[in-house]
Amino acid sequence: MLAMQAAGSIVFDYGNNIRAQAQAAGVADAFDFEGFVPALHRPQFCEGRGPFRWVALSGDPADILRTDAEILRLFPNDAGLRRWIENGAGEGPVPGLPARICWLGYGERAKAGLAFNELVRSGRRERAHRHRSRHLDSGSVASPNRETEGMRDGTDAVADWPLLNALVNTAAGATWVSIHHAAASGSATASTRGWSSWRTAPTSRPRSWSGSSPPTPGWA
């Protein structure tokens, strides 16, 4: 990877902590290229945006197509989101339950979650769906070699935000909240928070929606 960088390629660590492992093995300049978050994703985090996932527990691919249409209806001016839904999201095989992921802001996630709940309540979508966040997110991870690498305020290794984020998600009524020791960046190098919420039937009330996680100071 260092040789490819020296030859002019754009090189970044995708988050599997390969630089730290290489450094431990004696590669002194292992950190001469950035991780993918400061290289690519941090501007999204600065705006409080992150990946928002949902799964059609019905197993019906048509349910995901209905949510695609709903996302495009809700956010008609998001060119990147439209490009993803229309050109990329439906490509490739579905190995399990039909699912989708896209990048939305916190207020946008709340809007999307409530709209999906309404699709179920009104019968326009099958009986169940599940929303969840992921570790790659604003405020949900402390990982000095990944999400919080190169923080301008020096808080790369400050691990309070995942804990506070989990407490907020719990207080907001999420169906399932967990705090993890490490993620893809390796054991003892990260702490993360995850949550899920379910809408299981037209008569059920949503346990949570996706606007409760506070944005993280210091991303900019």
N, C-alpha and C. Protein backbone atom coordinates (compact mmCIF):
# COMPACT_ATOMS: atom_id res chain seq x y z
N MET A 1 0.84 -1.21 0.00
CA MET A 1 0.00 0.00 0.00
C MET A 1 0.87 1.25 0.00
N LEU A 2 1.95 1.22 0.76
CA LEU A 2 2.87 2.37 0.76
C LEU A 2 3.53 2.54 -0.60
N ALA A 3 3.85 1.44 -1.25
CA ALA A 3 4.45 1.52 -2.59
C ALA A 3 3.45 2.07 -3.59
N MET A 4 2.19 1.67 -3.47
CA MET A 4 1.15 2.19 -4.35
C MET A 4 0.97 3.69 -4.13
N GLN A 5 1.02 4.12 -2.87
CA GLN A 5 0.92 5.55 -2.58
C GLN A 5 2.09 6.31 -3.19
N ALA A 6 3.29 5.76 -3.05
CA ALA A 6 4.48 6.41 -3.61
C ALA A 6 4.39 6.50 -5.12
N ALA A 7 3.66 5.57 -5.74
CA ALA A 7 3.51 5.58 -7.20
C ALA A 7 2.39 6.51 -7.66
N GLY A 8 1.70 7.13 -6.72
CA GLY A 8 0.67 8.10 -7.08
C GLY A 8 -0.76 7.67 -6.84
N SER A 9 -0.97 6.48 -6.30
CA SER A 9 -2.34 6.02 -6.05
C SER A 9 -2.93 6.71 -4.81
N ILE A 10 -4.24 6.80 -4.77
CA ILE A 10 -4.95 7.25 -3.58
C ILE A 10 -5.11 6.04 -2.67
N VAL A 11 -4.53 6.09 -1.50
CA VAL A 11 -4.49 4.95 -0.60
C VAL A 11 -5.06 5.35 0.76
N PHE A 12 -5.87 4.49 1.34
CA PHE A 12 -6.39 4.73 2.68
C PHE A 12 -6.68 3.40 3.35
N ASP A 13 -6.64 3.41 4.66
CA ASP A 13 -7.00 2.25 5.47
C ASP A 13 -8.51 2.21 5.56
N TYR A 14 -9.13 1.10 5.18
CA TYR A 14 -10.58 1.01 5.18
C TYR A 14 -11.16 0.75 6.56
N GLY A 15 -10.34 0.57 7.57
CA GLY A 15 -10.88 0.45 8.91
C GLY A 15 -10.59 -0.86 9.59
N ASN A 16 -9.79 -1.73 8.98
CA ASN A 16 -9.49 -3.01 9.61
C ASN A 16 -8.20 -2.95 10.43
N ASN A 17 -7.71 -1.72 10.66
CA ASN A 17 -6.56 -1.48 11.53
C ASN A 17 -5.27 -2.07 10.97
N ILE A 18 -5.19 -2.17 9.66
CA ILE A 18 -4.01 -2.76 9.05
C ILE A 18 -2.76 -1.95 9.34
N ARG A 19 -2.89 -0.62 9.48
CA ARG A 19 -1.71 0.20 9.75
C ARG A 19 -1.12 -0.11 11.12
N ALA A 20 -1.99 -0.24 12.13
CA ALA A 20 -1.50 -0.56 13.48
C ALA A 20 -0.84 -1.93 13.51
N GLN A 21 -1.42 -2.89 12.79
CA GLN A 21 -0.82 -4.23 12.74
C GLN A 21 0.52 -4.20 12.02
N ALA A 22 0.59 -3.41 10.96
CA ALA A 22 1.86 -3.30 10.24
C ALA A 22 2.91 -2.61 11.10
N GLN A 23 2.50 -1.58 11.83
CA GLN A 23 3.44 -0.89 12.71
C GLN A 23 3.96 -1.84 13.79
N ALA A 24 3.05 -2.64 14.36
CA ALA A 24 3.47 -3.60 15.38
C ALA A 24 4.44 -4.63 14.81
N ALA A 25 4.35 -4.88 13.50
CA ALA A 25 5.24 -5.83 12.85
C ALA A 25 6.54 -5.20 12.39
N GLY A 26 6.69 -3.88 12.65
CA GLY A 26 7.95 -3.23 12.35
C GLY A 26 7.95 -2.26 11.19
N VAL A 27 6.79 -1.97 10.60
CA VAL A 27 6.72 -1.01 9.50
C VAL A 27 6.63 0.39 10.10
N ALA A 28 7.73 1.11 10.13
CA ALA A 28 7.80 2.38 10.84
C ALA A 28 6.89 3.45 10.24
N ASP A 29 6.70 3.43 8.94
CA ASP A 29 5.91 4.46 8.27
C ASP A 29 4.51 3.98 7.92
N ALA A 30 3.98 3.05 8.71
CA ALA A 30 2.67 2.45 8.40
C ALA A 30 1.56 3.48 8.39
N PHE A 31 1.70 4.55 9.17
CA PHE A 31 0.64 5.56 9.26
C PHE A 31 0.89 6.74 8.32
N ASP A 32 1.67 6.52 7.28
CA ASP A 32 1.91 7.60 6.31
C ASP A 32 0.73 7.82 5.38
N PHE A 33 -0.29 6.97 5.42
CA PHE A 33 -1.53 7.26 4.71
C PHE A 33 -2.68 7.25 5.71
N GLU A 34 -3.75 7.96 5.37
CA GLU A 34 -4.86 8.17 6.28
C GLU A 34 -5.81 6.98 6.32
N GLY A 35 -6.65 6.99 7.34
CA GLY A 35 -7.79 6.11 7.35
C GLY A 35 -8.89 6.69 6.47
N PHE A 36 -9.89 5.86 6.15
CA PHE A 36 -10.92 6.30 5.20
C PHE A 36 -11.84 7.35 5.77
N VAL A 37 -11.98 7.43 7.11
CA VAL A 37 -12.88 8.44 7.66
C VAL A 37 -12.33 9.85 7.46
N PRO A 38 -11.11 10.17 7.93
CA PRO A 38 -10.61 11.53 7.66
C PRO A 38 -10.38 11.79 6.17
N ALA A 39 -10.09 10.73 5.41
CA ALA A 39 -9.84 10.92 3.99
C ALA A 39 -11.11 11.17 3.20
N LEU A 40 -12.23 10.55 3.61
CA LEU A 40 -13.43 10.57 2.77
C LEU A 40 -14.71 11.00 3.50
N HIS A 41 -14.98 10.46 4.68
CA HIS A 41 -16.30 10.55 5.27
C HIS A 41 -16.50 11.68 6.27
N ARG A 42 -15.44 12.28 6.79
CA ARG A 42 -15.62 13.24 7.88
C ARG A 42 -16.54 14.41 7.52
N PRO A 43 -16.53 14.92 6.30
CA PRO A 43 -17.49 15.99 5.99
C PRO A 43 -18.94 15.58 6.24
N GLN A 44 -19.27 14.32 6.00
CA GLN A 44 -20.62 13.84 6.30
C GLN A 44 -20.88 13.89 7.81
N PHE A 45 -19.90 13.45 8.59
CA PHE A 45 -20.05 13.47 10.04
C PHE A 45 -20.19 14.90 10.56
N CYS A 46 -19.47 15.83 9.94
CA CYS A 46 -19.56 17.23 10.36
C CYS A 46 -20.98 17.77 10.23
N GLU A 47 -21.75 17.20 9.33
CA GLU A 47 -23.14 17.61 9.13
C GLU A 47 -24.12 16.72 9.90
N GLY A 48 -23.59 15.81 10.74
CA GLY A 48 -24.46 14.91 11.50
C GLY A 48 -25.09 13.82 10.66
N ARG A 49 -24.46 13.48 9.54
CA ARG A 49 -24.99 12.45 8.66
C ARG A 49 -24.27 11.13 8.90
N GLY A 50 -25.00 10.04 8.70
CA GLY A 50 -24.41 8.73 8.85
C GLY A 50 -25.28 7.70 8.17
N PRO A 51 -24.82 6.44 8.14
CA PRO A 51 -25.58 5.39 7.47
C PRO A 51 -26.81 4.99 8.27
N PHE A 52 -27.92 4.85 7.57
CA PHE A 52 -29.21 4.47 8.15
C PHE A 52 -29.66 3.21 7.44
N ARG A 53 -29.91 2.14 8.22
CA ARG A 53 -30.22 0.83 7.63
C ARG A 53 -31.64 0.42 7.98
N TRP A 54 -32.23 -0.34 7.10
CA TRP A 54 -33.51 -0.97 7.43
C TRP A 54 -33.63 -2.31 6.71
N VAL A 55 -34.39 -3.20 7.31
CA VAL A 55 -34.57 -4.56 6.81
C VAL A 55 -36.05 -4.86 6.71
N ALA A 56 -36.48 -5.48 5.64
CA ALA A 56 -37.86 -5.94 5.49
C ALA A 56 -37.96 -7.33 6.09
N LEU A 57 -38.48 -7.41 7.31
CA LEU A 57 -38.58 -8.71 7.98
C LEU A 57 -39.60 -9.62 7.32
N SER A 58 -40.42 -9.06 6.44
CA SER A 58 -41.37 -9.89 5.68
C SER A 58 -40.66 -10.79 4.69
N GLY A 59 -39.43 -10.42 4.29
CA GLY A 59 -38.72 -11.16 3.26
C GLY A 59 -39.14 -10.81 1.84
N ASP A 60 -40.05 -9.86 1.71
CA ASP A 60 -40.59 -9.49 0.39
C ASP A 60 -39.76 -8.36 -0.20
N PRO A 61 -39.05 -8.59 -1.31
CA PRO A 61 -38.26 -7.52 -1.92
C PRO A 61 -39.10 -6.30 -2.30
N ALA A 62 -40.39 -6.51 -2.55
CA ALA A 62 -41.26 -5.38 -2.92
C ALA A 62 -41.35 -4.37 -1.78
N ASP A 63 -41.19 -4.82 -0.55
CA ASP A 63 -41.23 -3.90 0.58
C ASP A 63 -40.07 -2.91 0.53
N ILE A 64 -38.89 -3.39 0.12
CA ILE A 64 -37.74 -2.50 -0.01
C ILE A 64 -37.95 -1.52 -1.15
N LEU A 65 -38.56 -1.96 -2.23
CA LEU A 65 -38.83 -1.05 -3.34
C LEU A 65 -39.80 0.04 -2.91
N ARG A 66 -40.75 -0.30 -2.03
CA ARG A 66 -41.67 0.72 -1.52
C ARG A 66 -40.92 1.74 -0.66
N THR A 67 -39.96 1.27 0.13
CA THR A 67 -39.19 2.23 0.94
C THR A 67 -38.28 3.07 0.06
N ASP A 68 -37.75 2.47 -1.01
CA ASP A 68 -36.95 3.27 -1.97
C ASP A 68 -37.78 4.44 -2.48
N ALA A 69 -39.00 4.15 -2.91
CA ALA A 69 -39.87 5.21 -3.43
C ALA A 69 -40.17 6.24 -2.36
N GLU A 70 -40.32 5.79 -1.11
CA GLU A 70 -40.62 6.72 -0.03
C GLU A 70 -39.42 7.62 0.27
N ILE A 71 -38.22 7.06 0.25
CA ILE A 71 -37.00 7.85 0.47
C ILE A 71 -36.87 8.93 -0.61
N LEU A 72 -37.11 8.56 -1.86
CA LEU A 72 -37.01 9.54 -2.94
C LEU A 72 -38.09 10.61 -2.82
N ARG A 73 -39.26 10.23 -2.32
CA ARG A 73 -40.32 11.21 -2.12
C ARG A 73 -39.98 12.18 -0.98
N LEU A 74 -39.37 11.65 0.08
CA LEU A 74 -39.07 12.47 1.25
C LEU A 74 -37.93 13.44 1.01
N PHE A 75 -36.94 13.03 0.20
CA PHE A 75 -35.73 13.84 0.03
C PHE A 75 -35.44 14.05 -1.46
N PRO A 76 -36.31 14.76 -2.15
CA PRO A 76 -36.18 14.89 -3.61
C PRO A 76 -34.98 15.70 -4.06
N ASN A 77 -34.40 16.51 -3.17
CA ASN A 77 -33.31 17.39 -3.56
C ASN A 77 -31.93 16.85 -3.19
N ASP A 78 -31.87 15.64 -2.66
CA ASP A 78 -30.58 15.04 -2.30
C ASP A 78 -30.08 14.24 -3.50
N ALA A 79 -29.22 14.87 -4.29
CA ALA A 79 -28.77 14.27 -5.55
C ALA A 79 -28.00 12.98 -5.32
N GLY A 80 -27.12 12.96 -4.30
CA GLY A 80 -26.35 11.77 -4.03
C GLY A 80 -27.22 10.60 -3.59
N LEU A 81 -28.21 10.89 -2.78
CA LEU A 81 -29.13 9.85 -2.32
C LEU A 81 -29.94 9.29 -3.49
N ARG A 82 -30.41 10.17 -4.35
CA ARG A 82 -31.17 9.72 -5.52
C ARG A 82 -30.30 8.86 -6.43
N ARG A 83 -29.06 9.28 -6.62
CA ARG A 83 -28.15 8.50 -7.48
C ARG A 83 -27.93 7.10 -6.90
N TRP A 84 -27.79 7.02 -5.58
CA TRP A 84 -27.57 5.73 -4.93
C TRP A 84 -28.80 4.84 -5.07
N ILE A 85 -29.97 5.36 -4.77
CA ILE A 85 -31.19 4.55 -4.81
C ILE A 85 -31.49 4.11 -6.24
N GLU A 86 -31.35 5.01 -7.18
CA GLU A 86 -31.75 4.70 -8.56
C GLU A 86 -30.72 3.86 -9.31
N ASN A 87 -29.44 4.02 -8.98
CA ASN A 87 -28.41 3.37 -9.79
C ASN A 87 -27.61 2.29 -9.08
N GLY A 88 -27.55 2.32 -7.76
CA GLY A 88 -26.66 1.40 -7.08
C GLY A 88 -27.28 0.46 -6.09
N ALA A 89 -28.34 0.92 -5.41
CA ALA A 89 -28.83 0.16 -4.27
C ALA A 89 -29.44 -1.17 -4.66
N GLY A 90 -29.98 -1.29 -5.85
CA GLY A 90 -30.64 -2.53 -6.24
C GLY A 90 -29.75 -3.52 -6.96
N GLU A 91 -28.47 -3.20 -7.09
CA GLU A 91 -27.57 -4.08 -7.82
C GLU A 91 -27.12 -5.25 -6.95
N GLY A 92 -26.88 -6.37 -7.56
CA GLY A 92 -26.33 -7.51 -6.86
C GLY A 92 -27.39 -8.40 -6.23
N PRO A 93 -27.00 -9.61 -5.85
CA PRO A 93 -27.94 -10.57 -5.25
C PRO A 93 -28.31 -10.17 -3.83
N VAL A 94 -29.42 -10.69 -3.34
CA VAL A 94 -29.86 -10.48 -1.96
C VAL A 94 -29.59 -11.76 -1.19
N PRO A 95 -28.55 -11.80 -0.34
CA PRO A 95 -28.16 -13.05 0.32
C PRO A 95 -29.07 -13.45 1.47
N GLY A 96 -29.85 -12.52 2.00
CA GLY A 96 -30.72 -12.82 3.13
C GLY A 96 -32.00 -12.02 3.02
N LEU A 97 -32.40 -11.41 4.12
CA LEU A 97 -33.58 -10.56 4.08
C LEU A 97 -33.33 -9.32 3.24
N PRO A 98 -34.32 -8.85 2.49
CA PRO A 98 -34.15 -7.62 1.72
C PRO A 98 -33.82 -6.45 2.65
N ALA A 99 -32.82 -5.68 2.29
CA ALA A 99 -32.35 -4.61 3.17
C ALA A 99 -31.85 -3.44 2.33
N ARG A 100 -31.70 -2.33 2.99
CA ARG A 100 -31.19 -1.14 2.32
C ARG A 100 -30.38 -0.31 3.31
N ILE A 101 -29.45 0.44 2.81
CA ILE A 101 -28.68 1.39 3.60
C ILE A 101 -28.51 2.65 2.79
N CYS A 102 -28.57 3.78 3.44
CA CYS A 102 -28.25 5.05 2.78
C CYS A 102 -27.79 6.03 3.86
N TRP A 103 -27.23 7.14 3.44
CA TRP A 103 -26.74 8.15 4.37
C TRP A 103 -27.80 9.23 4.54
N LEU A 104 -28.18 9.45 5.79
CA LEU A 104 -29.16 10.49 6.12
C LEU A 104 -28.69 11.25 7.35
N GLY A 105 -29.15 12.49 7.51
CA GLY A 105 -28.90 13.25 8.72
C GLY A 105 -29.83 12.82 9.83
N TYR A 106 -29.57 13.28 11.05
CA TYR A 106 -30.38 12.84 12.19
C TYR A 106 -31.84 13.24 12.04
N GLY A 107 -32.12 14.46 11.68
CA GLY A 107 -33.51 14.84 11.47
C GLY A 107 -34.14 14.09 10.32
N GLU A 108 -33.33 13.80 9.30
CA GLU A 108 -33.83 13.05 8.15
C GLU A 108 -34.15 11.60 8.54
N ARG A 109 -33.34 11.03 9.43
CA ARG A 109 -33.61 9.66 9.87
C ARG A 109 -34.93 9.59 10.62
N ALA A 110 -35.18 10.58 11.45
CA ALA A 110 -36.46 10.60 12.16
C ALA A 110 -37.62 10.68 11.17
N LYS A 111 -37.46 11.51 10.16
CA LYS A 111 -38.50 11.67 9.15
C LYS A 111 -38.72 10.36 8.39
N ALA A 112 -37.64 9.70 8.02
CA ALA A 112 -37.76 8.44 7.29
C ALA A 112 -38.36 7.35 8.16
N GLY A 113 -37.92 7.25 9.42
CA GLY A 113 -38.44 6.23 10.31
C GLY A 113 -39.94 6.35 10.53
N LEU A 114 -40.41 7.56 10.74
CA LEU A 114 -41.84 7.78 10.95
C LEU A 114 -42.63 7.48 9.67
N ALA A 115 -42.04 7.83 8.51
CA ALA A 115 -42.72 7.54 7.25
C ALA A 115 -42.82 6.03 7.02
N PHE A 116 -41.78 5.29 7.36
CA PHE A 116 -41.83 3.83 7.22
C PHE A 116 -42.86 3.23 8.16
N ASN A 117 -42.92 3.77 9.39
CA ASN A 117 -43.94 3.30 10.33
C ASN A 117 -45.34 3.50 9.75
N GLU A 118 -45.53 4.62 9.09
CA GLU A 118 -46.83 4.91 8.50
C GLU A 118 -47.15 3.95 7.35
N LEU A 119 -46.12 3.56 6.58
CA LEU A 119 -46.34 2.57 5.53
C LEU A 119 -46.87 1.26 6.10
N VAL A 120 -46.33 0.86 7.26
CA VAL A 120 -46.80 -0.37 7.89
C VAL A 120 -48.20 -0.17 8.46
N ARG A 121 -48.40 0.94 9.15
CA ARG A 121 -49.70 1.19 9.79
C ARG A 121 -50.82 1.24 8.77
N SER A 122 -50.55 1.83 7.62
CA SER A 122 -51.57 2.00 6.60
C SER A 122 -51.75 0.77 5.72
N GLY A 123 -50.89 -0.23 5.91
CA GLY A 123 -51.00 -1.45 5.12
C GLY A 123 -50.33 -1.38 3.77
N ARG A 124 -49.61 -0.30 3.49
CA ARG A 124 -48.92 -0.19 2.20
C ARG A 124 -47.60 -0.94 2.19
N ARG A 125 -47.22 -1.46 3.33
CA ARG A 125 -46.03 -2.28 3.42
C ARG A 125 -46.36 -3.46 4.33
N GLU A 126 -45.64 -4.58 4.15
CA GLU A 126 -45.94 -5.78 4.93
C GLU A 126 -45.70 -5.55 6.41
N ARG A 127 -45.87 -6.59 7.20
CA ARG A 127 -46.09 -6.43 8.63
C ARG A 127 -44.90 -5.92 9.42
N ALA A 128 -43.70 -6.07 8.97
CA ALA A 128 -42.58 -5.79 9.87
C ALA A 128 -41.42 -5.13 9.15
N HIS A 129 -40.76 -4.23 9.88
CA HIS A 129 -39.46 -3.76 9.44
C HIS A 129 -38.62 -3.44 10.67
N ARG A 130 -37.34 -3.36 10.45
CA ARG A 130 -36.40 -3.09 11.52
C ARG A 130 -35.48 -1.98 11.07
N HIS A 131 -35.26 -0.98 11.92
CA HIS A 131 -34.29 0.08 11.66
C HIS A 131 -33.09 -0.14 12.57
N ARG A 132 -31.95 0.24 12.11
CA ARG A 132 -30.80 0.18 13.00
C ARG A 132 -29.75 1.16 12.53
N SER A 133 -28.86 1.50 13.46
CA SER A 133 -27.69 2.30 13.12
C SER A 133 -26.50 1.36 12.96
N ARG A 134 -25.37 1.90 12.64
CA ARG A 134 -24.17 1.09 12.57
C ARG A 134 -23.04 1.85 13.23
N HIS A 135 -21.90 1.17 13.40
CA HIS A 135 -20.80 1.77 14.14
C HIS A 135 -20.23 2.99 13.43
N LEU A 136 -20.20 2.95 12.11
CA LEU A 136 -19.65 4.06 11.35
C LEU A 136 -20.66 5.21 11.40
N ASP A 137 -20.53 6.06 12.41
CA ASP A 137 -21.56 7.06 12.61
C ASP A 137 -21.02 8.20 13.45
N SER A 138 -21.71 9.31 13.39
CA SER A 138 -21.34 10.48 14.17
C SER A 138 -21.80 10.29 15.61
N GLY A 139 -20.86 10.22 16.55
CA GLY A 139 -21.21 10.14 17.96
C GLY A 139 -21.32 8.75 18.52
N SER A 140 -21.18 7.70 17.70
CA SER A 140 -21.42 6.35 18.21
C SER A 140 -20.15 5.56 18.45
N VAL A 141 -18.99 6.10 18.14
CA VAL A 141 -17.75 5.34 18.20
C VAL A 141 -16.62 6.19 18.75
N ALA A 142 -15.78 5.57 19.55
CA ALA A 142 -14.46 6.13 19.86
C ALA A 142 -13.43 5.15 19.32
N SER A 143 -12.76 5.52 18.25
CA SER A 143 -11.83 4.61 17.58
C SER A 143 -10.70 5.44 16.97
N PRO A 144 -9.58 5.56 17.67
CA PRO A 144 -8.51 6.47 17.22
C PRO A 144 -7.94 6.15 15.85
N ASN A 145 -8.08 4.91 15.39
CA ASN A 145 -7.56 4.55 14.08
C ASN A 145 -8.64 4.45 13.02
N ARG A 146 -9.85 4.90 13.36
CA ARG A 146 -10.92 4.83 12.38
C ARG A 146 -11.81 6.08 12.50
N GLU A 147 -13.00 5.97 13.11
CA GLU A 147 -13.96 7.08 13.12
C GLU A 147 -13.42 8.35 13.76
N THR A 148 -12.64 8.21 14.83
CA THR A 148 -12.15 9.41 15.55
C THR A 148 -10.68 9.66 15.31
N GLU A 149 -10.17 9.21 14.20
CA GLU A 149 -8.78 9.48 13.86
C GLU A 149 -8.59 10.95 13.49
N GLY A 150 -7.54 11.57 14.02
CA GLY A 150 -7.18 12.92 13.61
C GLY A 150 -8.19 13.98 14.01
N MET A 151 -8.83 13.85 15.16
CA MET A 151 -9.79 14.86 15.61
C MET A 151 -9.06 16.17 15.89
N ARG A 152 -9.62 17.27 15.44
CA ARG A 152 -8.95 18.55 15.59
C ARG A 152 -8.83 19.01 17.03
N ASP A 153 -9.74 18.52 17.88
CA ASP A 153 -9.67 18.92 19.29
C ASP A 153 -8.88 17.91 20.12
N GLY A 154 -8.22 16.94 19.47
CA GLY A 154 -7.36 16.00 20.17
C GLY A 154 -8.07 14.91 20.92
N THR A 155 -9.35 14.68 20.64
CA THR A 155 -10.14 13.70 21.40
C THR A 155 -10.22 12.35 20.69
N ASP A 156 -9.20 11.97 19.97
CA ASP A 156 -9.23 10.71 19.23
C ASP A 156 -9.61 9.53 20.12
N ALA A 157 -9.05 9.48 21.32
CA ALA A 157 -9.23 8.31 22.18
C ALA A 157 -10.21 8.56 23.32
N VAL A 158 -10.92 9.68 23.34
CA VAL A 158 -11.90 9.94 24.39
C VAL A 158 -13.15 9.11 24.11
N ALA A 159 -13.51 8.24 25.06
CA ALA A 159 -14.51 7.22 24.79
C ALA A 159 -15.85 7.48 25.44
N ASP A 160 -16.17 8.74 25.78
CA ASP A 160 -17.44 8.98 26.47
C ASP A 160 -18.62 9.04 25.52
N TRP A 161 -18.39 9.43 24.25
CA TRP A 161 -19.53 9.63 23.35
C TRP A 161 -20.33 8.37 23.06
N PRO A 162 -19.70 7.22 22.82
CA PRO A 162 -20.51 6.01 22.63
C PRO A 162 -21.39 5.70 23.85
N LEU A 163 -20.85 5.92 25.06
CA LEU A 163 -21.63 5.65 26.26
C LEU A 163 -22.80 6.61 26.38
N LEU A 164 -22.55 7.90 26.17
CA LEU A 164 -23.63 8.89 26.23
C LEU A 164 -24.67 8.62 25.14
N ASN A 165 -24.18 8.24 23.96
CA ASN A 165 -25.08 7.96 22.85
C ASN A 165 -25.99 6.78 23.18
N ALA A 166 -25.41 5.74 23.79
CA ALA A 166 -26.21 4.57 24.18
C ALA A 166 -27.25 4.94 25.22
N LEU A 167 -26.89 5.80 26.18
CA LEU A 167 -27.84 6.21 27.20
C LEU A 167 -29.00 6.99 26.59
N VAL A 168 -28.70 7.87 25.64
CA VAL A 168 -29.75 8.64 24.96
C VAL A 168 -30.68 7.70 24.19
N ASN A 169 -30.09 6.74 23.46
CA ASN A 169 -30.91 5.79 22.71
C ASN A 169 -31.80 4.97 23.63
N THR A 170 -31.27 4.59 24.79
CA THR A 170 -32.06 3.83 25.76
C THR A 170 -33.21 4.67 26.30
N ALA A 171 -32.89 5.92 26.66
CA ALA A 171 -33.93 6.80 27.19
C ALA A 171 -35.01 7.08 26.15
N ALA A 172 -34.63 7.05 24.86
CA ALA A 172 -35.59 7.30 23.80
C ALA A 172 -36.47 6.09 23.49
N GLY A 173 -36.17 4.94 24.11
CA GLY A 173 -37.02 3.78 23.96
C GLY A 173 -36.64 2.82 22.87
N ALA A 174 -35.37 2.83 22.45
CA ALA A 174 -34.96 1.88 21.42
C ALA A 174 -35.21 0.45 21.89
N THR A 175 -35.57 -0.43 20.95
CA THR A 175 -35.86 -1.81 21.29
C THR A 175 -34.62 -2.53 21.82
N TRP A 176 -33.49 -2.25 21.23
CA TRP A 176 -32.25 -2.94 21.60
C TRP A 176 -31.11 -1.95 21.51
N VAL A 177 -30.31 -1.86 22.56
CA VAL A 177 -29.14 -0.98 22.61
C VAL A 177 -27.97 -1.79 23.14
N SER A 178 -26.81 -1.63 22.56
CA SER A 178 -25.63 -2.35 23.06
C SER A 178 -24.41 -1.45 22.99
N ILE A 179 -23.47 -1.72 23.86
CA ILE A 179 -22.16 -1.07 23.84
C ILE A 179 -21.13 -2.16 23.58
N HIS A 180 -20.31 -1.97 22.57
CA HIS A 180 -19.38 -3.01 22.13
C HIS A 180 -17.95 -2.61 22.46
N HIS A 181 -17.16 -3.58 22.83
CA HIS A 181 -15.73 -3.38 23.00
C HIS A 181 -15.07 -3.71 21.68
N ALA A 182 -14.71 -2.68 20.95
CA ALA A 182 -14.04 -2.81 19.65
C ALA A 182 -15.05 -2.98 18.53
N ALA A 183 -14.54 -2.86 17.33
CA ALA A 183 -15.31 -3.08 16.11
C ALA A 183 -14.31 -3.58 15.09
N ALA A 184 -14.43 -3.16 13.84
CA ALA A 184 -13.50 -3.66 12.83
C ALA A 184 -12.07 -3.20 13.07
N SER A 185 -11.91 -2.14 13.87
CA SER A 185 -10.55 -1.62 14.09
C SER A 185 -9.80 -2.39 15.16
N GLY A 186 -10.42 -3.38 15.79
CA GLY A 186 -9.66 -4.29 16.63
C GLY A 186 -9.95 -4.18 18.11
N SER A 187 -9.75 -5.26 18.81
CA SER A 187 -9.96 -5.32 20.25
C SER A 187 -9.03 -4.36 20.97
N ALA A 188 -9.57 -3.74 22.00
CA ALA A 188 -8.82 -2.83 22.87
C ALA A 188 -8.49 -1.50 22.20
N THR A 189 -9.03 -1.26 21.00
CA THR A 189 -8.73 0.00 20.32
C THR A 189 -9.98 0.82 20.03
N ALA A 190 -11.16 0.35 20.44
CA ALA A 190 -12.38 1.09 20.11
C ALA A 190 -13.50 0.69 21.06
N SER A 191 -14.45 1.61 21.23
CA SER A 191 -15.73 1.28 21.86
C SER A 191 -16.82 1.84 20.98
N THR A 192 -17.92 1.11 20.87
CA THR A 192 -18.97 1.49 19.93
C THR A 192 -20.34 1.29 20.55
N ARG A 193 -21.32 1.95 19.96
CA ARG A 193 -22.71 1.82 20.38
C ARG A 193 -23.54 1.39 19.19
N GLY A 194 -24.51 0.52 19.41
CA GLY A 194 -25.44 0.14 18.36
C GLY A 194 -26.86 0.13 18.90
N TRP A 195 -27.82 0.38 18.03
CA TRP A 195 -29.23 0.31 18.45
C TRP A 195 -30.06 -0.26 17.32
N SER A 196 -31.21 -0.80 17.67
CA SER A 196 -32.20 -1.24 16.70
C SER A 196 -33.58 -0.91 17.22
N SER A 197 -34.52 -0.73 16.30
CA SER A 197 -35.92 -0.59 16.68
C SER A 197 -36.76 -1.34 15.67
N TRP A 198 -37.89 -1.87 16.13
CA TRP A 198 -38.76 -2.66 15.28
C TRP A 198 -40.13 -2.02 15.18
N ARG A 199 -40.73 -2.09 14.02
CA ARG A 199 -42.16 -1.84 13.85
C ARG A 199 -42.72 -3.16 13.34
N THR A 200 -43.49 -3.88 14.15
CA THR A 200 -43.80 -5.27 13.85
C THR A 200 -45.16 -5.49 13.23
N ALA A 201 -46.09 -4.55 13.36
CA ALA A 201 -47.43 -4.77 12.82
C ALA A 201 -48.14 -3.43 12.72
N PRO A 202 -49.20 -3.34 11.90
CA PRO A 202 -49.92 -2.07 11.77
C PRO A 202 -50.45 -1.53 13.09
N THR A 203 -50.73 -2.40 14.07
CA THR A 203 -51.30 -1.92 15.32
C THR A 203 -50.24 -1.62 16.37
N SER A 204 -48.97 -1.94 16.10
CA SER A 204 -47.93 -1.69 17.10
C SER A 204 -47.47 -0.25 17.03
N ARG A 205 -46.99 0.26 18.15
CA ARG A 205 -46.46 1.60 18.20
C ARG A 205 -44.94 1.53 18.08
N PRO A 206 -44.32 2.46 17.37
CA PRO A 206 -42.86 2.43 17.24
C PRO A 206 -42.20 2.65 18.59
N ARG A 207 -41.16 1.85 18.86
CA ARG A 207 -40.46 1.97 20.13
C ARG A 207 -39.49 3.14 20.11
N SER A 208 -38.95 3.45 18.96
CA SER A 208 -38.03 4.59 18.87
C SER A 208 -37.95 5.03 17.43
N TRP A 209 -37.42 6.20 17.21
CA TRP A 209 -37.10 6.64 15.86
C TRP A 209 -35.72 7.24 15.88
N SER A 210 -35.18 7.49 14.71
CA SER A 210 -33.73 7.59 14.56
C SER A 210 -33.21 9.01 14.67
N GLY A 211 -33.81 9.83 15.46
CA GLY A 211 -33.34 11.20 15.57
C GLY A 211 -32.80 11.54 16.94
N SER A 212 -32.55 10.53 17.78
CA SER A 212 -32.23 10.81 19.16
C SER A 212 -30.75 10.91 19.44
N SER A 213 -29.90 10.51 18.51
CA SER A 213 -28.47 10.52 18.78
C SER A 213 -27.89 11.91 18.60
N PRO A 214 -27.22 12.45 19.62
CA PRO A 214 -26.67 13.80 19.50
C PRO A 214 -25.49 13.85 18.56
N PRO A 215 -25.34 14.89 17.76
CA PRO A 215 -24.14 15.03 16.96
C PRO A 215 -22.93 15.24 17.85
N THR A 216 -21.77 14.92 17.35
CA THR A 216 -20.56 14.93 18.16
C THR A 216 -19.78 16.21 17.96
N PRO A 217 -19.49 16.98 19.03
CA PRO A 217 -18.58 18.11 18.89
C PRO A 217 -17.20 17.63 18.46
N GLY A 218 -16.51 18.43 17.70
CA GLY A 218 -15.14 18.12 17.39
C GLY A 218 -14.92 17.46 16.06
N TRP A 219 -16.00 17.06 15.34
CA TRP A 219 -15.78 16.44 14.03
C TRP A 219 -15.15 17.44 13.06
N ALA A 220 -15.58 18.69 13.12
CA ALA A 220 -15.11 19.66 12.12
C ALA A 220 -13.64 19.99 12.30
